[in-house]
Amino acid sequence: MRLSPRRRRHIGSLAALALSAAAFAALSALSARAETTLTAEEFDAYVTGKTLTYTQYGEVFGIEEYLPGRKVRWKATFDTCQYGSWFAREDLICFVYEYSSTEHCWQFWRSDSGLSALSVNDAPGSELSEVAQTADGLDCPAPDVGV
């Protein structure tokens, strides 16, 4: 079936309008989140003294214990813990761990089920979600045991 030039322009205009609407919706969602992004003080008040479990895509992503003084213990596997700290950079919460000089920065916000977070390196849709919270610490070996 061959379309007339007028019909092709009409279809092109509708496609552009649909893409614009999708882009606007995505921007609106990011703006709404930005309005509720936790400040460093709010984040600190929420997490200090807690151990939170996060999921991504329905699977456990890791467990982090938030210690006083912006210190953390991160456990992504059953038997390995990483020790580190967090700091604020503008509206982001950034983490640095003992065996890596790479910063891991996230935008955190409150949701109905707890904290949600999106890495600066990830696209919307890959957020982490808090699924469990406890006052119990992580079961981690002391650093450098047996060295």
Protein backbone atom coordinates (compact mmCIF):
# COMPACT_ATOMS: atom_id res chain seq x y z
CA MET A 1 0.00 0.00 0.00
CA ARG A 2 1.44 3.33 -1.02
CA LEU A 3 0.78 6.40 1.17
CA SER A 4 0.35 9.87 -0.18
CA PRO A 5 2.89 12.54 0.90
CA ARG A 6 0.16 14.22 2.94
CA ARG A 7 -0.69 10.95 4.73
CA ARG A 8 3.03 10.28 5.44
CA ARG A 9 3.43 13.77 6.97
CA HIS A 10 0.31 13.16 9.10
CA ILE A 11 1.68 9.81 10.34
CA GLY A 12 5.10 11.41 10.97
CA SER A 13 3.46 14.21 12.97
CA LEU A 14 1.52 11.69 15.08
CA ALA A 15 4.69 9.69 15.73
CA ALA A 16 6.56 12.85 16.76
CA LEU A 17 3.69 13.84 19.05
CA ALA A 18 3.70 10.39 20.68
CA LEU A 19 7.47 10.56 21.24
CA SER A 20 7.15 14.06 22.68
CA ALA A 21 4.43 12.87 25.07
CA ALA A 22 6.60 9.93 26.19
CA ALA A 23 9.61 12.22 26.70
CA PHE A 24 7.46 14.67 28.68
CA ALA A 25 6.14 11.85 30.89
CA ALA A 26 9.68 10.63 31.60
CA LEU A 27 10.85 14.15 32.40
CA SER A 28 7.84 14.71 34.66
CA ALA A 29 8.60 11.50 36.56
CA LEU A 30 12.24 12.56 37.06
CA SER A 31 11.16 16.04 38.15
CA ALA A 32 8.67 14.64 40.65
CA ARG A 33 11.39 12.41 42.09
CA ALA A 34 13.85 15.30 42.22
CA GLU A 35 11.39 17.21 44.38
CA THR A 36 11.37 14.38 46.91
CA THR A 37 15.06 13.43 46.74
CA LEU A 38 16.44 12.96 50.23
CA THR A 39 18.98 15.45 51.48
CA ALA A 40 22.10 14.12 53.19
CA GLU A 41 20.58 14.99 56.57
CA GLU A 42 17.31 13.18 55.77
CA PHE A 43 19.20 10.16 54.44
CA ASP A 44 21.43 10.07 57.53
CA ALA A 45 18.42 10.29 59.87
CA TYR A 46 16.64 7.48 58.04
CA VAL A 47 19.49 4.97 57.67
CA THR A 48 21.87 5.37 60.63
CA GLY A 49 21.69 2.38 62.95
CA LYS A 50 19.81 0.26 60.40
CA THR A 51 20.64 -2.53 58.01
CA LEU A 52 18.67 -2.34 54.78
CA THR A 53 18.18 -5.01 52.13
CA TYR A 54 17.76 -3.77 48.54
CA THR A 55 16.36 -5.52 45.49
CA GLN A 56 16.68 -4.75 41.80
CA TYR A 57 14.50 -6.44 39.16
CA GLY A 58 12.98 -8.60 41.91
CA GLU A 59 16.33 -10.08 43.05
CA VAL A 60 18.38 -9.20 46.13
CA PHE A 61 20.99 -6.63 45.07
CA GLY A 62 22.72 -6.37 48.44
CA ILE A 63 22.49 -5.51 52.12
CA GLU A 64 24.00 -2.40 53.68
CA GLU A 65 24.54 -1.59 57.32
CA TYR A 66 24.65 2.14 58.07
CA LEU A 67 26.92 2.95 60.98
CA PRO A 68 27.42 6.23 62.86
CA GLY A 69 29.72 8.79 61.27
CA ARG A 70 28.54 7.96 57.72
CA LYS A 71 30.33 4.61 57.75
CA VAL A 72 28.86 1.56 56.00
CA ARG A 73 29.26 -2.17 55.56
CA TRP A 74 28.03 -3.54 52.22
CA LYS A 75 27.34 -7.20 51.54
CA ALA A 76 26.55 -8.21 47.98
CA THR A 77 27.49 -11.88 48.37
CA PHE A 78 26.92 -14.36 51.16
CA ASP A 79 30.43 -14.23 52.60
CA THR A 80 32.00 -10.95 51.49
CA CYS A 81 31.63 -7.56 53.15
CA GLN A 82 33.08 -4.27 52.03
CA TYR A 83 33.69 -1.43 54.45
CA GLY A 84 33.29 2.15 53.34
CA SER A 85 31.72 5.52 53.89
CA TRP A 86 29.23 7.82 52.24
CA PHE A 87 29.14 11.54 51.56
CA ALA A 88 26.84 14.03 49.87
CA ARG A 89 27.51 15.60 46.51
CA GLU A 90 24.75 18.06 45.57
CA ASP A 91 21.53 15.96 45.62
CA LEU A 92 23.41 12.64 45.45
CA ILE A 93 24.61 10.20 48.10
CA CYS A 94 27.99 8.77 47.09
CA PHE A 95 29.75 5.72 48.51
CA VAL A 96 33.44 4.80 48.53
CA TYR A 97 34.56 1.35 49.64
CA GLU A 98 37.92 0.22 51.01
CA TYR A 99 39.18 -1.73 48.00
CA SER A 100 38.00 0.63 45.27
CA SER A 101 38.68 4.26 44.54
CA THR A 102 35.56 4.45 42.37
CA GLU A 103 32.69 6.49 43.78
CA HIS A 104 29.20 5.03 43.54
CA CYS A 105 26.66 7.87 43.52
CA TRP A 106 22.92 7.46 43.90
CA GLN A 107 19.79 9.54 44.13
CA PHE A 108 17.66 8.34 47.08
CA TRP A 109 13.98 9.06 47.73
CA ARG A 110 11.21 7.70 49.96
CA SER A 111 8.55 5.46 48.51
CA ASP A 112 5.57 3.74 50.11
CA SER A 113 7.71 0.70 50.92
CA GLY A 114 10.85 2.52 52.14
CA LEU A 115 13.86 3.84 50.28
CA SER A 116 14.34 3.73 46.55
CA ALA A 117 17.58 4.60 44.78
CA LEU A 118 18.82 5.13 41.25
CA SER A 119 22.51 5.07 40.37
CA VAL A 120 23.81 7.96 38.29
CA ASN A 121 25.08 5.28 35.89
CA ASP A 122 21.68 3.61 35.38
CA ALA A 123 18.54 4.50 33.47
CA PRO A 124 15.11 4.92 35.07
CA GLY A 125 13.58 1.50 35.55
CA SER A 126 16.67 0.03 37.21
CA GLU A 127 16.02 1.48 40.65
CA LEU A 128 16.85 -0.32 43.88
CA SER A 129 14.02 -0.82 46.36
CA GLU A 130 14.26 -1.37 50.10
CA VAL A 131 12.56 -4.66 50.96
CA ALA A 132 13.74 -5.28 54.52
CA GLN A 133 15.02 -3.27 57.45
CA THR A 134 16.53 -4.38 60.74
CA ALA A 135 18.48 -2.93 63.65
CA ASP A 136 20.73 -6.02 63.59
CA GLY A 137 24.18 -5.58 62.13
CA LEU A 138 25.62 -7.56 59.26
CA ASP A 139 27.44 -10.79 59.97
CA CYS A 140 30.82 -9.73 58.60
CA PRO A 141 34.29 -11.00 59.42
CA ALA A 142 36.59 -8.41 60.94
CA PRO A 143 38.73 -6.70 58.31
CA ASP A 144 42.02 -8.39 57.48
CA VAL A 145 41.50 -11.37 59.79
CA GLY A 146 44.33 -13.87 59.33
CA VAL A 147 46.57 -11.44 57.47
